[in-house]
């Protein structure tokens, strides 16, 4: 599940929770609103369970797929995935 991959990559201290600073992506103006929506118990962190529930609620997998699939062939290739992430977080290392 894409939410698990993103969560794991952003959980810098590997404590199973994302703080707002771990959650936010530089240049993404919607990050604060999304963090607030995902933090359902309003304790200032997002757990994996909260992230997965929020991802299902907003359809993150479908949205990510549609945004990434530039050639509209119903498949993602490596270049489409790299281009998507480069557009969001900078070039892959």
PDB file of N, CA and C in Angstrom:
ATOM      1  N   UNK A   1       0.849  -1.173   0.000  1.00  0.00           N
ATOM      2  CA  UNK A   1       0.000   0.000   0.000  1.00  0.00           C
ATOM      3  C   UNK A   1       0.898   1.240   0.000  1.00  0.00           C
ATOM      4  N   UNK A   2       0.579   2.178  -0.837  1.00  0.00           N
ATOM      5  CA  UNK A   2       1.409   3.362  -1.017  1.00  0.00           C
ATOM      6  C   UNK A   2       1.510   4.190   0.267  1.00  0.00           C
ATOM      7  N   UNK A   3       0.450   4.221   1.059  1.00  0.00           N
ATOM      8  CA  UNK A   3       0.472   4.994   2.304  1.00  0.00           C
ATOM      9  C   UNK A   3       1.555   4.457   3.239  1.00  0.00           C
ATOM     10  N   UNK A   4       1.687   3.147   3.321  1.00  0.00           N
ATOM     11  CA  UNK A   4       2.706   2.544   4.190  1.00  0.00           C
ATOM     12  C   UNK A   4       4.098   2.933   3.717  1.00  0.00           C
ATOM     13  N   UNK A   5       4.324   2.902   2.415  1.00  0.00           N
ATOM     14  CA  UNK A   5       5.631   3.272   1.862  1.00  0.00           C
ATOM     15  C   UNK A   5       5.975   4.723   2.166  1.00  0.00           C
ATOM     16  N   UNK A   6       5.020   5.597   1.959  1.00  0.00           N
ATOM     17  CA  UNK A   6       5.254   7.024   2.216  1.00  0.00           C
ATOM     18  C   UNK A   6       5.470   7.254   3.712  1.00  0.00           C
ATOM     19  N   UNK A   7       4.624   6.651   4.530  1.00  0.00           N
ATOM     20  CA  UNK A   7       4.740   6.807   5.980  1.00  0.00           C
ATOM     21  C   UNK A   7       6.118   6.357   6.457  1.00  0.00           C
ATOM     22  N   UNK A   8       6.527   5.174   6.039  1.00  0.00           N
ATOM     23  CA  UNK A   8       7.809   4.620   6.464  1.00  0.00           C
ATOM     24  C   UNK A   8       8.972   5.504   6.026  1.00  0.00           C
ATOM     25  N   UNK A   9       8.895   6.027   4.811  1.00  0.00           N
ATOM     26  CA  UNK A   9       9.966   6.883   4.304  1.00  0.00           C
ATOM     27  C   UNK A   9      10.065   8.198   5.076  1.00  0.00           C
ATOM     28  N   UNK A  10       8.951   8.712   5.534  1.00  0.00           N
ATOM     29  CA  UNK A  10       8.952  10.007   6.229  1.00  0.00           C
ATOM     30  C   UNK A  10       9.170   9.894   7.735  1.00  0.00           C
ATOM     31  N   UNK A  11       9.004   8.708   8.296  1.00  0.00           N
ATOM     32  CA  UNK A  11       9.157   8.518   9.746  1.00  0.00           C
ATOM     33  C   UNK A  11      10.647   8.507  10.082  1.00  0.00           C
ATOM     34  N   UNK A  12      11.220   9.697  10.181  1.00  0.00           N
ATOM     35  CA  UNK A  12      12.674   9.864  10.304  1.00  0.00           C
ATOM     36  C   UNK A  12      13.259   9.144  11.517  1.00  0.00           C
ATOM     37  N   UNK A  13      12.586   9.188  12.646  1.00  0.00           N
ATOM     38  CA  UNK A  13      13.130   8.555  13.851  1.00  0.00           C
ATOM     39  C   UNK A  13      12.566   7.151  14.087  1.00  0.00           C
ATOM     40  N   UNK A  14      11.779   6.667  13.137  1.00  0.00           N
ATOM     41  CA  UNK A  14      11.235   5.291  13.145  1.00  0.00           C
ATOM     42  C   UNK A  14      10.482   4.970  14.436  1.00  0.00           C
ATOM     43  N   UNK A  15       9.688   5.943  14.926  1.00  0.00           N
ATOM     44  CA  UNK A  15       8.909   5.713  16.141  1.00  0.00           C
ATOM     45  C   UNK A  15       7.459   5.334  15.868  1.00  0.00           C
ATOM     46  N   UNK A  16       7.105   5.181  14.585  1.00  0.00           N
ATOM     47  CA  UNK A  16       5.745   4.788  14.237  1.00  0.00           C
ATOM     48  C   UNK A  16       4.746   5.926  14.262  1.00  0.00           C
ATOM     49  N   UNK A  17       5.245   7.164  14.337  1.00  0.00           N
ATOM     50  CA  UNK A  17       4.399   8.351  14.353  1.00  0.00           C
ATOM     51  C   UNK A  17       5.056   9.411  13.478  1.00  0.00           C
ATOM     52  N   UNK A  18       4.221  10.193  12.823  1.00  0.00           N
ATOM     53  CA  UNK A  18       4.750  11.323  12.057  1.00  0.00           C
ATOM     54  C   UNK A  18       4.377  12.617  12.741  1.00  0.00           C
ATOM     55  N   UNK A  19       5.386  13.415  13.045  1.00  0.00           N
ATOM     56  CA  UNK A  19       5.142  14.770  13.520  1.00  0.00           C
ATOM     57  C   UNK A  19       4.855  15.642  12.305  1.00  0.00           C
ATOM     58  N   UNK A  20       4.427  16.836  12.552  1.00  0.00           N
ATOM     59  CA  UNK A  20       4.147  17.739  11.426  1.00  0.00           C
ATOM     60  C   UNK A  20       5.410  17.977  10.595  1.00  0.00           C
ATOM     61  N   UNK A  21       6.564  18.101  11.250  1.00  0.00           N
ATOM     62  CA  UNK A  21       7.803  18.342  10.493  1.00  0.00           C
ATOM     63  C   UNK A  21       8.188  17.124   9.646  1.00  0.00           C
ATOM     64  N   UNK A  22       7.893  15.922  10.107  1.00  0.00           N
ATOM     65  CA  UNK A  22       8.152  14.729   9.294  1.00  0.00           C
ATOM     66  C   UNK A  22       7.143  14.626   8.154  1.00  0.00           C
ATOM     67  N   UNK A  23       5.926  15.055   8.400  1.00  0.00           N
ATOM     68  CA  UNK A  23       4.837  14.937   7.427  1.00  0.00           C
ATOM     69  C   UNK A  23       5.008  15.903   6.258  1.00  0.00           C
ATOM     70  N   UNK A  24       5.387  17.146   6.557  1.00  0.00           N
ATOM     71  CA  UNK A  24       5.395  18.191   5.539  1.00  0.00           C
ATOM     72  C   UNK A  24       6.489  17.995   4.505  1.00  0.00           C
ATOM     73  N   UNK A  25       6.146  18.283   3.261  1.00  0.00           N
ATOM     74  CA  UNK A  25       7.077  18.247   2.146  1.00  0.00           C
ATOM     75  C   UNK A  25       7.334  19.692   1.754  1.00  0.00           C
ATOM     76  N   UNK A  26       8.605  20.109   1.698  1.00  0.00           N
ATOM     77  CA  UNK A  26       8.890  21.493   1.321  1.00  0.00           C
ATOM     78  C   UNK A  26       8.208  21.876   0.006  1.00  0.00           C
ATOM     79  N   UNK A  27       7.552  23.016   0.017  1.00  0.00           N
ATOM     80  CA  UNK A  27       6.883  23.515  -1.172  1.00  0.00           C
ATOM     81  C   UNK A  27       5.456  23.036  -1.344  1.00  0.00           C
ATOM     82  N   UNK A  28       4.985  22.122  -0.491  1.00  0.00           N
ATOM     83  CA  UNK A  28       3.617  21.615  -0.589  1.00  0.00           C
ATOM     84  C   UNK A  28       2.735  22.424   0.358  1.00  0.00           C
ATOM     85  N   UNK A  29       2.020  23.368  -0.193  1.00  0.00           N
ATOM     86  CA  UNK A  29       1.208  24.277   0.616  1.00  0.00           C
ATOM     87  C   UNK A  29       0.013  23.594   1.265  1.00  0.00           C
ATOM     88  N   UNK A  30      -0.409  22.438   0.766  1.00  0.00           N
ATOM     89  CA  UNK A  30      -1.574  21.750   1.318  1.00  0.00           C
ATOM     90  C   UNK A  30      -1.224  20.856   2.499  1.00  0.00           C
ATOM     91  N   UNK A  31       0.043  20.729   2.811  1.00  0.00           N
ATOM     92  CA  UNK A  31       0.488  19.795   3.840  1.00  0.00           C
ATOM     93  C   UNK A  31      -0.111  20.000   5.212  1.00  0.00           C
ATOM     94  N   UNK A  32      -0.226  21.249   5.649  1.00  0.00           N
ATOM     95  CA  UNK A  32      -0.794  21.521   6.976  1.00  0.00           C
ATOM     96  C   UNK A  32      -2.238  21.056   7.067  1.00  0.00           C
ATOM     97  N   UNK A  33      -3.017  21.341   6.055  1.00  0.00           N
ATOM     98  CA  UNK A  33      -4.429  20.951   6.046  1.00  0.00           C
ATOM     99  C   UNK A  33      -4.562  19.427   6.037  1.00  0.00           C
ATOM    100  N   UNK A  34      -3.747  18.777   5.255  1.00  0.00           N
ATOM    101  CA  UNK A  34      -3.801  17.321   5.173  1.00  0.00           C
ATOM    102  C   UNK A  34      -3.380  16.700   6.502  1.00  0.00           C
ATOM    103  N   UNK A  35      -2.318  17.229   7.117  1.00  0.00           N
ATOM    104  CA  UNK A  35      -1.875  16.721   8.420  1.00  0.00           C
ATOM    105  C   UNK A  35      -3.008  16.826   9.435  1.00  0.00           C
ATOM    106  N   UNK A  36      -3.654  17.971   9.483  1.00  0.00           N
ATOM    107  CA  UNK A  36      -4.763  18.172  10.416  1.00  0.00           C
ATOM    108  C   UNK A  36      -5.893  17.182  10.153  1.00  0.00           C
ATOM    109  N   UNK A  37      -6.178  16.922   8.899  1.00  0.00           N
ATOM    110  CA  UNK A  37      -7.225  15.958   8.559  1.00  0.00           C
ATOM    111  C   UNK A  37      -6.866  14.536   8.938  1.00  0.00           C
ATOM    112  N   UNK A  38      -5.600  14.194   8.837  1.00  0.00           N
ATOM    113  CA  UNK A  38      -5.153  12.844   9.160  1.00  0.00           C
ATOM    114  C   UNK A  38      -5.029  12.624  10.664  1.00  0.00           C
ATOM    115  N   UNK A  39      -4.721  13.662  11.406  1.00  0.00           N
ATOM    116  CA  UNK A  39      -4.554  13.557  12.862  1.00  0.00           C
ATOM    117  C   UNK A  39      -5.928  13.568  13.529  1.00  0.00           C
ATOM    118  N   UNK A  40      -6.622  12.457  13.445  1.00  0.00           N
ATOM    119  CA  UNK A  40      -8.027  12.404  13.869  1.00  0.00           C
ATOM    120  C   UNK A  40      -8.229  12.565  15.366  1.00  0.00           C
ATOM    121  N   UNK A  41      -7.250  12.194  16.176  1.00  0.00           N
ATOM    122  CA  UNK A  41      -7.418  12.374  17.621  1.00  0.00           C
ATOM    123  C   UNK A  41      -6.775  13.674  18.121  1.00  0.00           C
ATOM    124  N   UNK A  42      -6.235  14.461  17.208  1.00  0.00           N
ATOM    125  CA  UNK A  42      -5.698  15.807  17.485  1.00  0.00           C
ATOM    126  C   UNK A  42      -4.620  15.809  18.572  1.00  0.00           C
ATOM    127  N   UNK A  43      -3.729  14.805  18.514  1.00  0.00           N
ATOM    128  CA  UNK A  43      -2.650  14.757  19.494  1.00  0.00           C
ATOM    129  C   UNK A  43      -1.325  15.275  18.956  1.00  0.00           C
ATOM    130  N   UNK A  44      -1.342  15.825  17.742  1.00  0.00           N
ATOM    131  CA  UNK A  44      -0.142  16.428  17.176  1.00  0.00           C
ATOM    132  C   UNK A  44       0.766  15.480  16.423  1.00  0.00           C
ATOM    133  N   UNK A  45       0.378  14.214  16.312  1.00  0.00           N
ATOM    134  CA  UNK A  45       1.119  13.236  15.519  1.00  0.00           C
ATOM    135  C   UNK A  45       0.127  12.395  14.724  1.00  0.00           C
ATOM    136  N   UNK A  46       0.613  11.817  13.641  1.00  0.00           N
ATOM    137  CA  UNK A  46      -0.196  10.917  12.826  1.00  0.00           C
ATOM    138  C   UNK A  46       0.418   9.532  12.929  1.00  0.00           C
ATOM    139  N   UNK A  47      -0.387   8.575  13.384  1.00  0.00           N
ATOM    140  CA  UNK A  47       0.072   7.188  13.452  1.00  0.00           C
ATOM    141  C   UNK A  47      -0.152   6.529  12.097  1.00  0.00           C
ATOM    142  N   UNK A  48       0.426   5.361  11.913  1.00  0.00           N
ATOM    143  CA  UNK A  48       0.215   4.629  10.659  1.00  0.00           C
ATOM    144  C   UNK A  48      -1.264   4.321  10.473  1.00  0.00           C
ATOM    145  N   UNK A  49      -1.951   3.952  11.535  1.00  0.00           N
ATOM    146  CA  UNK A  49      -3.384   3.656  11.431  1.00  0.00           C
ATOM    147  C   UNK A  49      -4.159   4.889  10.968  1.00  0.00           C
ATOM    148  N   UNK A  50      -3.824   6.059  11.510  1.00  0.00           N
ATOM    149  CA  UNK A  50      -4.488   7.287  11.080  1.00  0.00           C
ATOM    150  C   UNK A  50      -4.167   7.594   9.622  1.00  0.00           C
ATOM    151  N   UNK A  51      -2.909   7.406   9.235  1.00  0.00           N
ATOM    152  CA  UNK A  51      -2.502   7.685   7.851  1.00  0.00           C
ATOM    153  C   UNK A  51      -3.218   6.763   6.876  1.00  0.00           C
ATOM    154  N   UNK A  52      -3.320   5.476   7.230  1.00  0.00           N
ATOM    155  CA  UNK A  52      -4.013   4.526   6.348  1.00  0.00           C
ATOM    156  C   UNK A  52      -5.496   4.867   6.229  1.00  0.00           C
ATOM    157  N   UNK A  53      -6.133   5.194   7.341  1.00  0.00           N
ATOM    158  CA  UNK A  53      -7.551   5.563   7.309  1.00  0.00           C
ATOM    159  C   UNK A  53      -7.767   6.818   6.472  1.00  0.00           C
ATOM    160  N   UNK A  54      -6.881   7.797   6.625  1.00  0.00           N
ATOM    161  CA  UNK A  54      -7.001   9.029   5.845  1.00  0.00           C
ATOM    162  C   UNK A  54      -6.764   8.756   4.362  1.00  0.00           C
ATOM    163  N   UNK A  55      -5.773   7.915   4.063  1.00  0.00           N
ATOM    164  CA  UNK A  55      -5.502   7.553   2.675  1.00  0.00           C
ATOM    165  C   UNK A  55      -6.698   6.895   2.004  1.00  0.00           C
ATOM    166  N   UNK A  56      -7.362   5.994   2.728  1.00  0.00           N
ATOM    167  CA  UNK A  56      -8.573   5.353   2.184  1.00  0.00           C
ATOM    168  C   UNK A  56      -9.673   6.391   1.986  1.00  0.00           C
ATOM    169  N   UNK A  57      -9.819   7.282   2.956  1.00  0.00           N
ATOM    170  CA  UNK A  57     -10.873   8.301   2.899  1.00  0.00           C
ATOM    171  C   UNK A  57     -10.735   9.191   1.667  1.00  0.00           C
ATOM    172  N   UNK A  58      -9.513   9.613   1.370  1.00  0.00           N
ATOM    173  CA  UNK A  58      -9.322  10.544   0.249  1.00  0.00           C
ATOM    174  C   UNK A  58      -8.951   9.847  -1.054  1.00  0.00           C
ATOM    175  N   UNK A  59      -8.747   8.522  -1.012  1.00  0.00           N
ATOM    176  CA  UNK A  59      -8.403   7.793  -2.230  1.00  0.00           C
ATOM    177  C   UNK A  59      -7.003   8.089  -2.714  1.00  0.00           C
ATOM    178  N   UNK A  60      -6.035   8.127  -1.806  1.00  0.00           N
ATOM    179  CA  UNK A  60      -4.675   8.528  -2.157  1.00  0.00           C
ATOM    180  C   UNK A  60      -4.061   7.632  -3.227  1.00  0.00           C
ATOM    181  N   UNK A  61      -4.297   6.350  -3.178  1.00  0.00           N
ATOM    182  CA  UNK A  61      -3.725   5.453  -4.178  1.00  0.00           C
ATOM    183  C   UNK A  61      -4.244   5.763  -5.569  1.00  0.00           C
ATOM    184  N   UNK A  62      -5.536   5.948  -5.676  1.00  0.00           N
ATOM    185  CA  UNK A  62      -6.143   6.266  -6.971  1.00  0.00           C
ATOM    186  C   UNK A  62      -5.656   7.610  -7.488  1.00  0.00           C
ATOM    187  N   UNK A  63      -5.626   8.600  -6.605  1.00  0.00           N
ATOM    188  CA  UNK A  63      -5.170   9.931  -7.011  1.00  0.00           C
ATOM    189  C   UNK A  63      -3.711   9.913  -7.461  1.00  0.00           C
ATOM    190  N   UNK A  64      -2.869   9.227  -6.691  1.00  0.00           N
ATOM    191  CA  UNK A  64      -1.459   9.149  -7.034  1.00  0.00           C
ATOM    192  C   UNK A  64      -1.273   8.451  -8.376  1.00  0.00           C
ATOM    193  N   UNK A  65      -1.994   7.360  -8.572  1.00  0.00           N
ATOM    194  CA  UNK A  65      -1.899   6.627  -9.829  1.00  0.00           C
ATOM    195  C   UNK A  65      -2.310   7.513 -11.003  1.00  0.00           C
ATOM    196  N   UNK A  66      -3.445   8.167 -10.880  1.00  0.00           N
ATOM    197  CA  UNK A  66      -3.937   9.002 -11.983  1.00  0.00           C
ATOM    198  C   UNK A  66      -2.990  10.155 -12.294  1.00  0.00           C
ATOM    199  N   UNK A  67      -2.419  10.748 -11.257  1.00  0.00           N
ATOM    200  CA  UNK A  67      -1.493  11.857 -11.464  1.00  0.00           C
ATOM    201  C   UNK A  67      -0.172  11.382 -12.076  1.00  0.00           C
ATOM    202  N   UNK A  68       0.251  10.181 -11.723  1.00  0.00           N
ATOM    203  CA  UNK A  68       1.531   9.638 -12.195  1.00  0.00           C
ATOM    204  C   UNK A  68       1.464   9.077 -13.605  1.00  0.00           C
ATOM    205  N   UNK A  69       0.335   8.534 -13.993  1.00  0.00           N
ATOM    206  CA  UNK A  69       0.192   7.813 -15.259  1.00  0.00           C
ATOM    207  C   UNK A  69       0.036   8.794 -16.430  1.00  0.00           C
ATOM    208  N   UNK A  70       1.140   9.432 -16.770  1.00  0.00           N
ATOM    209  CA  UNK A  70       1.120  10.507 -17.770  1.00  0.00           C
ATOM    210  C   UNK A  70       0.683  10.046 -19.161  1.00  0.00           C
ATOM    211  N   UNK A  71       1.030   8.820 -19.533  1.00  0.00           N
ATOM    212  CA  UNK A  71       0.667   8.367 -20.882  1.00  0.00           C
ATOM    213  C   UNK A  71      -0.686   7.654 -20.913  1.00  0.00           C
ATOM    214  N   UNK A  72      -1.379   7.618 -19.794  1.00  0.00           N
ATOM    215  CA  UNK A  72      -2.731   7.075 -19.701  1.00  0.00           C
ATOM    216  C   UNK A  72      -2.860   5.641 -20.227  1.00  0.00           C
ATOM    217  N   UNK A  73      -1.841   4.805 -19.950  1.00  0.00           N
ATOM    218  CA  UNK A  73      -1.887   3.426 -20.429  1.00  0.00           C
ATOM    219  C   UNK A  73      -2.327   2.432 -19.361  1.00  0.00           C
ATOM    220  N   UNK A  74      -2.814   2.921 -18.229  1.00  0.00           N
ATOM    221  CA  UNK A  74      -3.294   2.091 -17.112  1.00  0.00           C
ATOM    222  C   UNK A  74      -2.180   1.316 -16.419  1.00  0.00           C
ATOM    223  N   UNK A  75      -0.926   1.692 -16.667  1.00  0.00           N
ATOM    224  CA  UNK A  75       0.224   1.073 -16.005  1.00  0.00           C
ATOM    225  C   UNK A  75       1.224   2.168 -15.645  1.00  0.00           C
ATOM    226  N   UNK A  76       1.920   1.966 -14.532  1.00  0.00           N
ATOM    227  CA  UNK A  76       2.992   2.890 -14.188  1.00  0.00           C
ATOM    228  C   UNK A  76       4.320   2.233 -14.500  1.00  0.00           C
ATOM    229  N   UNK A  77       5.152   2.945 -15.233  1.00  0.00           N
ATOM    230  CA  UNK A  77       6.503   2.442 -15.458  1.00  0.00           C
ATOM    231  C   UNK A  77       7.459   3.205 -14.536  1.00  0.00           C
ATOM    232  N   UNK A  78       8.681   2.745 -14.473  1.00  0.00           N
ATOM    233  CA  UNK A  78       9.673   3.330 -13.568  1.00  0.00           C
ATOM    234  C   UNK A  78       9.849   4.826 -13.822  1.00  0.00           C
ATOM    235  N   UNK A  79       9.874   5.236 -15.069  1.00  0.00           N
ATOM    236  CA  UNK A  79      10.085   6.655 -15.377  1.00  0.00           C
ATOM    237  C   UNK A  79       8.917   7.515 -14.901  1.00  0.00           C
ATOM    238  N   UNK A  80       7.693   7.021 -15.018  1.00  0.00           N
ATOM    239  CA  UNK A  80       6.546   7.780 -14.529  1.00  0.00           C
ATOM    240  C   UNK A  80       6.606   7.943 -13.007  1.00  0.00           C
ATOM    241  N   UNK A  81       6.998   6.894 -12.316  1.00  0.00           N
ATOM    242  CA  UNK A  81       7.114   6.962 -10.861  1.00  0.00           C
ATOM    243  C   UNK A  81       8.218   7.928 -10.464  1.00  0.00           C
ATOM    244  N   UNK A  82       9.366   7.831 -11.113  1.00  0.00           N
ATOM    245  CA  UNK A  82      10.463   8.756 -10.815  1.00  0.00           C
ATOM    246  C   UNK A  82      10.071  10.203 -11.087  1.00  0.00           C
ATOM    247  N   UNK A  83       9.409  10.429 -12.204  1.00  0.00           N
ATOM    248  CA  UNK A  83       8.987  11.789 -12.547  1.00  0.00           C
ATOM    249  C   UNK A  83       7.989  12.323 -11.522  1.00  0.00           C
ATOM    250  N   UNK A  84       7.084  11.467 -11.085  1.00  0.00           N
ATOM    251  CA  UNK A  84       6.103  11.892 -10.082  1.00  0.00           C
ATOM    252  C   UNK A  84       6.803  12.322  -8.797  1.00  0.00           C
ATOM    253  N   UNK A  85       7.674  11.476  -8.277  1.00  0.00           N
ATOM    254  CA  UNK A  85       8.361  11.809  -7.024  1.00  0.00           C
ATOM    255  C   UNK A  85       9.301  12.991  -7.183  1.00  0.00           C
ATOM    256  N   UNK A  86       9.946  13.117  -8.324  1.00  0.00           N
ATOM    257  CA  UNK A  86      10.818  14.273  -8.557  1.00  0.00           C
ATOM    258  C   UNK A  86       9.992  15.564  -8.539  1.00  0.00           C
ATOM    259  N   UNK A  87       8.775  15.503  -9.047  1.00  0.00           N
ATOM    260  CA  UNK A  87       7.921  16.705  -9.059  1.00  0.00           C
ATOM    261  C   UNK A  87       7.449  17.073  -7.667  1.00  0.00           C
ATOM    262  N   UNK A  88       7.424  16.112  -6.749  1.00  0.00           N
ATOM    263  CA  UNK A  88       6.941  16.365  -5.393  1.00  0.00           C
ATOM    264  C   UNK A  88       8.058  16.616  -4.389  1.00  0.00           C
ATOM    265  N   UNK A  89       9.164  15.894  -4.518  1.00  0.00           N
ATOM    266  CA  UNK A  89      10.193  15.948  -3.481  1.00  0.00           C
ATOM    267  C   UNK A  89      11.598  16.179  -4.014  1.00  0.00           C
ATOM    268  N   UNK A  90      11.756  16.384  -5.292  1.00  0.00           N
ATOM    269  CA  UNK A  90      13.076  16.566  -5.879  1.00  0.00           C
ATOM    270  C   UNK A  90      13.539  15.279  -6.539  1.00  0.00           C
ATOM    271  N   UNK A  91      14.586  15.337  -7.328  1.00  0.00           N
ATOM    272  CA  UNK A  91      15.056  14.168  -8.070  1.00  0.00           C
ATOM    273  C   UNK A  91      15.430  13.010  -7.159  1.00  0.00           C
ATOM    274  N   UNK A  92      15.210  11.791  -7.651  1.00  0.00           N
ATOM    275  CA  UNK A  92      15.604  10.591  -6.909  1.00  0.00           C
ATOM    276  C   UNK A  92      17.109  10.548  -6.796  1.00  0.00           C
ATOM    277  N   UNK A  93      17.598  10.027  -5.690  1.00  0.00           N
ATOM    278  CA  UNK A  93      19.038   9.929  -5.487  1.00  0.00           C
ATOM    279  C   UNK A  93      19.530   8.575  -5.917  1.00  0.00           C
TER     280      UNK A  93
END
